[in-house]
Amino acid sequence: MEGKGGEDMMVSGWNNGSPNNRTGAGYGIRLSKKDRDRYFRREWVFVEIELESDGVVRINLSNSFWRNCTELRSSKI
């Protein structure tokens, strides 16, 4: 995943332990707290990522994203 200024971030796939394969709920992309703090701003309420299959997808940033759950969660993922 590319951060601002063309720098790379290491991310991994994530699921909540009981993802719903029918709806796609329970999947996301996990990033480190270090990368979250470096590349994301607290005033942002969403980010947009580009997926090969779905184009640009808007992902809301929850309050828990800023605490301990550093996942970008979306059924599109």
PDB file of N, CA and C in Angstrom:
ATOM      1  N   MET A   1       0.856  -1.159   0.000  1.00  0.00           N
ATOM      2  CA  MET A   1       0.000   0.000   0.000  1.00  0.00           C
ATOM      3  C   MET A   1       0.903   1.223   0.000  1.00  0.00           C
ATOM      4  N   GLU A   2       0.554   2.234  -0.774  1.00  0.00           N
ATOM      5  CA  GLU A   2       1.384   3.423  -0.885  1.00  0.00           C
ATOM      6  C   GLU A   2       0.832   4.546  -0.034  1.00  0.00           C
ATOM      7  N   GLY A   3       1.695   5.121   0.791  1.00  0.00           N
ATOM      8  CA  GLY A   3       1.306   6.246   1.627  1.00  0.00           C
ATOM      9  C   GLY A   3       1.559   7.553   0.917  1.00  0.00           C
ATOM     10  N   LYS A   4       1.377   8.638   1.640  1.00  0.00           N
ATOM     11  CA  LYS A   4       1.591   9.953   1.035  1.00  0.00           C
ATOM     12  C   LYS A   4       3.046  10.094   0.604  1.00  0.00           C
ATOM     13  N   GLY A   5       3.265  10.790  -0.470  1.00  0.00           N
ATOM     14  CA  GLY A   5       4.621  11.001  -0.950  1.00  0.00           C
ATOM     15  C   GLY A   5       5.236   9.780  -1.605  1.00  0.00           C
ATOM     16  N   GLY A   6       4.430   8.771  -1.922  1.00  0.00           N
ATOM     17  CA  GLY A   6       4.939   7.594  -2.606  1.00  0.00           C
ATOM     18  C   GLY A   6       5.677   6.608  -1.716  1.00  0.00           C
ATOM     19  N   GLU A   7       5.595   6.783  -0.392  1.00  0.00           N
ATOM     20  CA  GLU A   7       6.239   5.844   0.524  1.00  0.00           C
ATOM     21  C   GLU A   7       5.341   4.635   0.732  1.00  0.00           C
ATOM     22  N   ASP A   8       5.962   3.465   0.949  1.00  0.00           N
ATOM     23  CA  ASP A   8       5.194   2.231   1.115  1.00  0.00           C
ATOM     24  C   ASP A   8       4.858   1.961   2.569  1.00  0.00           C
ATOM     25  N   MET A   9       3.713   1.289   2.765  1.00  0.00           N
ATOM     26  CA  MET A   9       3.292   0.788   4.066  1.00  0.00           C
ATOM     27  C   MET A   9       3.127  -0.716   3.943  1.00  0.00           C
ATOM     28  N   MET A  10       3.492  -1.436   4.972  1.00  0.00           N
ATOM     29  CA  MET A  10       3.226  -2.869   5.021  1.00  0.00           C
ATOM     30  C   MET A  10       1.853  -3.050   5.661  1.00  0.00           C
ATOM     31  N   VAL A  11       0.969  -3.771   4.986  1.00  0.00           N
ATOM     32  CA  VAL A  11      -0.360  -4.055   5.500  1.00  0.00           C
ATOM     33  C   VAL A  11      -0.616  -5.548   5.370  1.00  0.00           C
ATOM     34  N   SER A  12      -1.654  -6.008   6.028  1.00  0.00           N
ATOM     35  CA  SER A  12      -2.042  -7.420   5.911  1.00  0.00           C
ATOM     36  C   SER A  12      -3.553  -7.521   5.853  1.00  0.00           C
ATOM     37  N   GLY A  13      -4.032  -8.633   5.349  1.00  0.00           N
ATOM     38  CA  GLY A  13      -5.461  -8.890   5.335  1.00  0.00           C
ATOM     39  C   GLY A  13      -5.950  -9.128   6.755  1.00  0.00           C
ATOM     40  N   TRP A  14      -7.200  -8.822   7.014  1.00  0.00           N
ATOM     41  CA  TRP A  14      -7.784  -8.961   8.349  1.00  0.00           C
ATOM     42  C   TRP A  14      -9.195  -9.506   8.222  1.00  0.00           C
ATOM     43  N   ASN A  15      -9.598 -10.340   9.187  1.00  0.00           N
ATOM     44  CA  ASN A  15     -11.013 -10.679   9.334  1.00  0.00           C
ATOM     45  C   ASN A  15     -11.330 -10.723  10.812  1.00  0.00           C
ATOM     46  N   ASN A  16     -12.586 -10.570  11.139  1.00  0.00           N
ATOM     47  CA  ASN A  16     -12.987 -10.433  12.539  1.00  0.00           C
ATOM     48  C   ASN A  16     -13.197 -11.772  13.249  1.00  0.00           C
ATOM     49  N   GLY A  17     -12.827 -12.870  12.623  1.00  0.00           N
ATOM     50  CA  GLY A  17     -12.988 -14.186  13.226  1.00  0.00           C
ATOM     51  C   GLY A  17     -14.266 -14.880  12.817  1.00  0.00           C
ATOM     52  N   SER A  18     -15.249 -14.122  12.356  1.00  0.00           N
ATOM     53  CA  SER A  18     -16.488 -14.713  11.856  1.00  0.00           C
ATOM     54  C   SER A  18     -17.006 -13.898  10.665  1.00  0.00           C
ATOM     55  N   PRO A  19     -16.173 -13.791   9.621  1.00  0.00           N
ATOM     56  CA  PRO A  19     -16.605 -12.995   8.461  1.00  0.00           C
ATOM     57  C   PRO A  19     -17.805 -13.632   7.765  1.00  0.00           C
ATOM     58  N   ASN A  20     -18.599 -12.804   7.127  1.00  0.00           N
ATOM     59  CA  ASN A  20     -19.776 -13.258   6.402  1.00  0.00           C
ATOM     60  C   ASN A  20     -19.422 -13.323   4.924  1.00  0.00           C
ATOM     61  N   ASN A  21     -19.209 -14.529   4.415  1.00  0.00           N
ATOM     62  CA  ASN A  21     -18.801 -14.695   3.023  1.00  0.00           C
ATOM     63  C   ASN A  21     -19.895 -14.277   2.040  1.00  0.00           C
ATOM     64  N   ARG A  22     -21.128 -14.263   2.465  1.00  0.00           N
ATOM     65  CA  ARG A  22     -22.232 -13.872   1.586  1.00  0.00           C
ATOM     66  C   ARG A  22     -22.264 -12.354   1.384  1.00  0.00           C
ATOM     67  N   THR A  23     -22.093 -11.592   2.481  1.00  0.00           N
ATOM     68  CA  THR A  23     -22.188 -10.133   2.385  1.00  0.00           C
ATOM     69  C   THR A  23     -20.824  -9.453   2.278  1.00  0.00           C
ATOM     70  N   GLY A  24     -19.766 -10.148   2.657  1.00  0.00           N
ATOM     71  CA  GLY A  24     -18.440  -9.544   2.661  1.00  0.00           C
ATOM     72  C   GLY A  24     -18.099  -8.824   3.949  1.00  0.00           C
ATOM     73  N   ALA A  25     -19.032  -8.759   4.894  1.00  0.00           N
ATOM     74  CA  ALA A  25     -18.766  -8.086   6.165  1.00  0.00           C
ATOM     75  C   ALA A  25     -17.716  -8.857   6.953  1.00  0.00           C
ATOM     76  N   GLY A  26     -16.900  -8.117   7.709  1.00  0.00           N
ATOM     77  CA  GLY A  26     -15.910  -8.753   8.572  1.00  0.00           C
ATOM     78  C   GLY A  26     -14.521  -8.851   7.962  1.00  0.00           C
ATOM     79  N   TYR A  27     -14.291  -8.161   6.844  1.00  0.00           N
ATOM     80  CA  TYR A  27     -12.974  -8.171   6.212  1.00  0.00           C
ATOM     81  C   TYR A  27     -12.387  -6.768   6.180  1.00  0.00           C
ATOM     82  N   GLY A  28     -11.070  -6.699   6.085  1.00  0.00           N
ATOM     83  CA  GLY A  28     -10.419  -5.403   6.011  1.00  0.00           C
ATOM     84  C   GLY A  28      -8.934  -5.531   5.765  1.00  0.00           C
ATOM     85  N   ILE A  29      -8.260  -4.418   5.928  1.00  0.00           N
ATOM     86  CA  ILE A  29      -6.807  -4.321   5.778  1.00  0.00           C
ATOM     87  C   ILE A  29      -6.256  -3.778   7.085  1.00  0.00           C
ATOM     88  N   ARG A  30      -5.297  -4.488   7.677  1.00  0.00           N
ATOM     89  CA  ARG A  30      -4.693  -4.043   8.934  1.00  0.00           C
ATOM     90  C   ARG A  30      -3.373  -3.347   8.643  1.00  0.00           C
ATOM     91  N   LEU A  31      -3.177  -2.207   9.319  1.00  0.00           N
ATOM     92  CA  LEU A  31      -1.894  -1.532   9.236  1.00  0.00           C
ATOM     93  C   LEU A  31      -1.364  -1.302  10.633  1.00  0.00           C
ATOM     94  N   SER A  32      -0.090  -1.004  10.740  1.00  0.00           N
ATOM     95  CA  SER A  32       0.514  -0.817  12.056  1.00  0.00           C
ATOM     96  C   SER A  32       0.095   0.524  12.653  1.00  0.00           C
ATOM     97  N   LYS A  33       0.156   0.619  13.962  1.00  0.00           N
ATOM     98  CA  LYS A  33      -0.143   1.886  14.631  1.00  0.00           C
ATOM     99  C   LYS A  33       0.863   2.947  14.204  1.00  0.00           C
ATOM    100  N   LYS A  34       2.093   2.534  13.973  1.00  0.00           N
ATOM    101  CA  LYS A  34       3.127   3.465  13.523  1.00  0.00           C
ATOM    102  C   LYS A  34       2.751   4.083  12.181  1.00  0.00           C
ATOM    103  N   ASP A  35       2.308   3.262  11.228  1.00  0.00           N
ATOM    104  CA  ASP A  35       1.900   3.778   9.924  1.00  0.00           C
ATOM    105  C   ASP A  35       0.620   4.592  10.025  1.00  0.00           C
ATOM    106  N   ARG A  36      -0.313   4.166  10.868  1.00  0.00           N
ATOM    107  CA  ARG A  36      -1.533   4.953  11.080  1.00  0.00           C
ATOM    108  C   ARG A  36      -1.184   6.358  11.538  1.00  0.00           C
ATOM    109  N   ASP A  37      -0.301   6.442  12.532  1.00  0.00           N
ATOM    110  CA  ASP A  37       0.066   7.738  13.086  1.00  0.00           C
ATOM    111  C   ASP A  37       0.892   8.579  12.107  1.00  0.00           C
ATOM    112  N   ARG A  38       1.631   7.913  11.247  1.00  0.00           N
ATOM    113  CA  ARG A  38       2.482   8.629  10.288  1.00  0.00           C
ATOM    114  C   ARG A  38       1.704   9.143   9.074  1.00  0.00           C
ATOM    115  N   TYR A  39       0.777   8.347   8.560  1.00  0.00           N
ATOM    116  CA  TYR A  39       0.139   8.657   7.281  1.00  0.00           C
ATOM    117  C   TYR A  39      -1.310   9.131   7.365  1.00  0.00           C
ATOM    118  N   PHE A  40      -1.950   8.955   8.519  1.00  0.00           N
ATOM    119  CA  PHE A  40      -3.359   9.312   8.660  1.00  0.00           C
ATOM    120  C   PHE A  40      -3.503  10.496   9.610  1.00  0.00           C
ATOM    121  N   ARG A  41      -4.501  11.321   9.385  1.00  0.00           N
ATOM    122  CA  ARG A  41      -4.754  12.493  10.225  1.00  0.00           C
ATOM    123  C   ARG A  41      -6.056  12.292  10.994  1.00  0.00           C
ATOM    124  N   ARG A  42      -6.037  12.659  12.247  1.00  0.00           N
ATOM    125  CA  ARG A  42      -7.209  12.451  13.103  1.00  0.00           C
ATOM    126  C   ARG A  42      -8.445  13.193  12.621  1.00  0.00           C
ATOM    127  N   GLU A  43      -8.271  14.272  11.891  1.00  0.00           N
ATOM    128  CA  GLU A  43      -9.450  15.013  11.417  1.00  0.00           C
ATOM    129  C   GLU A  43     -10.123  14.336  10.218  1.00  0.00           C
ATOM    130  N   TRP A  44      -9.484  13.336   9.627  1.00  0.00           N
ATOM    131  CA  TRP A  44     -10.100  12.617   8.517  1.00  0.00           C
ATOM    132  C   TRP A  44     -11.235  11.739   9.037  1.00  0.00           C
ATOM    133  N   VAL A  45     -12.358  11.733   8.361  1.00  0.00           N
ATOM    134  CA  VAL A  45     -13.463  10.861   8.734  1.00  0.00           C
ATOM    135  C   VAL A  45     -13.557   9.654   7.797  1.00  0.00           C
ATOM    136  N   PHE A  46     -12.850   9.709   6.678  1.00  0.00           N
ATOM    137  CA  PHE A  46     -12.796   8.585   5.758  1.00  0.00           C
ATOM    138  C   PHE A  46     -11.517   8.664   4.934  1.00  0.00           C
ATOM    139  N   VAL A  47     -11.175   7.541   4.312  1.00  0.00           N
ATOM    140  CA  VAL A  47     -10.102   7.484   3.325  1.00  0.00           C
ATOM    141  C   VAL A  47     -10.653   6.784   2.096  1.00  0.00           C
ATOM    142  N   GLU A  48      -9.985   6.947   0.989  1.00  0.00           N
ATOM    143  CA  GLU A  48     -10.354   6.242  -0.231  1.00  0.00           C
ATOM    144  C   GLU A  48      -9.180   5.381  -0.648  1.00  0.00           C
ATOM    145  N   ILE A  49      -9.487   4.123  -0.962  1.00  0.00           N
ATOM    146  CA  ILE A  49      -8.458   3.222  -1.466  1.00  0.00           C
ATOM    147  C   ILE A  49      -8.917   2.697  -2.822  1.00  0.00           C
ATOM    148  N   GLU A  50      -7.960   2.339  -3.640  1.00  0.00           N
ATOM    149  CA  GLU A  50      -8.294   1.820  -4.960  1.00  0.00           C
ATOM    150  C   GLU A  50      -8.090   0.315  -4.973  1.00  0.00           C
ATOM    151  N   LEU A  51      -9.149  -0.399  -5.303  1.00  0.00           N
ATOM    152  CA  LEU A  51      -9.124  -1.848  -5.416  1.00  0.00           C
ATOM    153  C   LEU A  51      -9.212  -2.233  -6.883  1.00  0.00           C
ATOM    154  N   GLU A  52      -8.466  -3.241  -7.274  1.00  0.00           N
ATOM    155  CA  GLU A  52      -8.498  -3.676  -8.664  1.00  0.00           C
ATOM    156  C   GLU A  52      -9.908  -4.031  -9.122  1.00  0.00           C
ATOM    157  N   SER A  53     -10.655  -4.713  -8.271  1.00  0.00           N
ATOM    158  CA  SER A  53     -11.963  -5.220  -8.669  1.00  0.00           C
ATOM    159  C   SER A  53     -13.085  -4.181  -8.582  1.00  0.00           C
ATOM    160  N   ASP A  54     -12.981  -3.202  -7.670  1.00  0.00           N
ATOM    161  CA  ASP A  54     -14.083  -2.273  -7.428  1.00  0.00           C
ATOM    162  C   ASP A  54     -13.733  -0.808  -7.635  1.00  0.00           C
ATOM    163  N   GLY A  55     -12.551  -0.517  -8.117  1.00  0.00           N
ATOM    164  CA  GLY A  55     -12.157   0.882  -8.276  1.00  0.00           C
ATOM    165  C   GLY A  55     -11.936   1.544  -6.931  1.00  0.00           C
ATOM    166  N   VAL A  56     -12.286   2.812  -6.819  1.00  0.00           N
ATOM    167  CA  VAL A  56     -12.075   3.576  -5.585  1.00  0.00           C
ATOM    168  C   VAL A  56     -13.200   3.285  -4.597  1.00  0.00           C
ATOM    169  N   VAL A  57     -12.813   2.937  -3.374  1.00  0.00           N
ATOM    170  CA  VAL A  57     -13.761   2.600  -2.309  1.00  0.00           C
ATOM    171  C   VAL A  57     -13.528   3.553  -1.137  1.00  0.00           C
ATOM    172  N   ARG A  58     -14.604   4.150  -0.644  1.00  0.00           N
ATOM    173  CA  ARG A  58     -14.525   5.030   0.524  1.00  0.00           C
ATOM    174  C   ARG A  58     -14.686   4.200   1.784  1.00  0.00           C
ATOM    175  N   ILE A  59     -13.778   4.397   2.729  1.00  0.00           N
ATOM    176  CA  ILE A  59     -13.817   3.655   3.989  1.00  0.00           C
ATOM    177  C   ILE A  59     -13.839   4.657   5.139  1.00  0.00           C
ATOM    178  N   ASN A  60     -14.882   4.584   5.954  1.00  0.00           N
ATOM    179  CA  ASN A  60     -14.990   5.452   7.117  1.00  0.00           C
ATOM    180  C   ASN A  60     -13.970   5.052   8.172  1.00  0.00           C
ATOM    181  N   LEU A  61     -13.416   6.045   8.863  1.00  0.00           N
ATOM    182  CA  LEU A  61     -12.480   5.793   9.960  1.00  0.00           C
ATOM    183  C   LEU A  61     -13.251   5.924  11.269  1.00  0.00           C
ATOM    184  N   SER A  62     -13.381   4.815  11.975  1.00  0.00           N
ATOM    185  CA  SER A  62     -14.146   4.798  13.224  1.00  0.00           C
ATOM    186  C   SER A  62     -13.300   5.325  14.377  1.00  0.00           C
ATOM    187  N   ASN A  63     -13.960   5.629  15.484  1.00  0.00           N
ATOM    188  CA  ASN A  63     -13.225   6.033  16.687  1.00  0.00           C
ATOM    189  C   ASN A  63     -12.259   4.948  17.129  1.00  0.00           C
ATOM    190  N   SER A  64     -12.643   3.686  16.972  1.00  0.00           N
ATOM    191  CA  SER A  64     -11.766   2.591  17.395  1.00  0.00           C
ATOM    192  C   SER A  64     -10.506   2.505  16.542  1.00  0.00           C
ATOM    193  N   PHE A  65     -10.546   3.032  15.312  1.00  0.00           N
ATOM    194  CA  PHE A  65      -9.347   3.068  14.470  1.00  0.00           C
ATOM    195  C   PHE A  65      -8.233   3.846  15.163  1.00  0.00           C
ATOM    196  N   TRP A  66      -8.598   4.866  15.913  1.00  0.00           N
ATOM    197  CA  TRP A  66      -7.616   5.708  16.589  1.00  0.00           C
ATOM    198  C   TRP A  66      -7.229   5.169  17.966  1.00  0.00           C
ATOM    199  N   ARG A  67      -7.912   4.128  18.410  1.00  0.00           N
ATOM    200  CA  ARG A  67      -7.536   3.514  19.686  1.00  0.00           C
ATOM    201  C   ARG A  67      -6.689   2.273  19.414  1.00  0.00           C
ATOM    202  N   ASN A  68      -7.322   1.153  19.223  1.00  0.00           N
ATOM    203  CA  ASN A  68      -6.584  -0.117  19.106  1.00  0.00           C
ATOM    204  C   ASN A  68      -6.885  -0.919  17.850  1.00  0.00           C
ATOM    205  N   CYS A  69      -7.872  -0.539  17.075  1.00  0.00           N
ATOM    206  CA  CYS A  69      -8.291  -1.336  15.916  1.00  0.00           C
ATOM    207  C   CYS A  69      -7.850  -0.644  14.627  1.00  0.00           C
ATOM    208  N   THR A  70      -6.633  -0.899  14.218  1.00  0.00           N
ATOM    209  CA  THR A  70      -6.049  -0.174  13.089  1.00  0.00           C
ATOM    210  C   THR A  70      -6.375  -0.831  11.748  1.00  0.00           C
ATOM    211  N   GLU A  71      -7.620  -1.256  11.604  1.00  0.00           N
ATOM    212  CA  GLU A  71      -8.048  -1.875  10.351  1.00  0.00           C
ATOM    213  C   GLU A  71      -8.893  -0.916   9.533  1.00  0.00           C
ATOM    214  N   LEU A  72      -8.710  -0.980   8.222  1.00  0.00           N
ATOM    215  CA  LEU A  72      -9.615  -0.323   7.291  1.00  0.00           C
ATOM    216  C   LEU A  72     -10.632  -1.387   6.930  1.00  0.00           C
ATOM    217  N   ARG A  73     -11.866  -1.229   7.380  1.00  0.00           N
ATOM    218  CA  ARG A  73     -12.882  -2.277   7.254  1.00  0.00           C
ATOM    219  C   ARG A  73     -13.918  -1.914   6.207  1.00  0.00           C
ATOM    220  N   SER A  74     -14.190  -2.888   5.329  1.00  0.00           N
ATOM    221  CA  SER A  74     -15.203  -2.667   4.302  1.00  0.00           C
ATOM    222  C   SER A  74     -15.637  -3.999   3.722  1.00  0.00           C
ATOM    223  N   SER A  75     -16.920  -4.113   3.419  1.00  0.00           N
ATOM    224  CA  SER A  75     -17.410  -5.326   2.759  1.00  0.00           C
ATOM    225  C   SER A  75     -16.865  -5.437   1.338  1.00  0.00           C
ATOM    226  N   LYS A  76     -16.399  -4.341   0.767  1.00  0.00           N
ATOM    227  CA  LYS A  76     -15.810  -4.364  -0.579  1.00  0.00           C
ATOM    228  C   LYS A  76     -14.470  -5.085  -0.594  1.00  0.00           C
ATOM    229  N   ILE A  77     -13.805  -5.130   0.554  1.00  0.00           N
ATOM    230  CA  ILE A  77     -12.507  -5.801   0.660  1.00  0.00           C
ATOM    231  C   ILE A  77     -12.745  -7.295   0.778  1.00  0.00           C
TER     232      ILE A  77
END
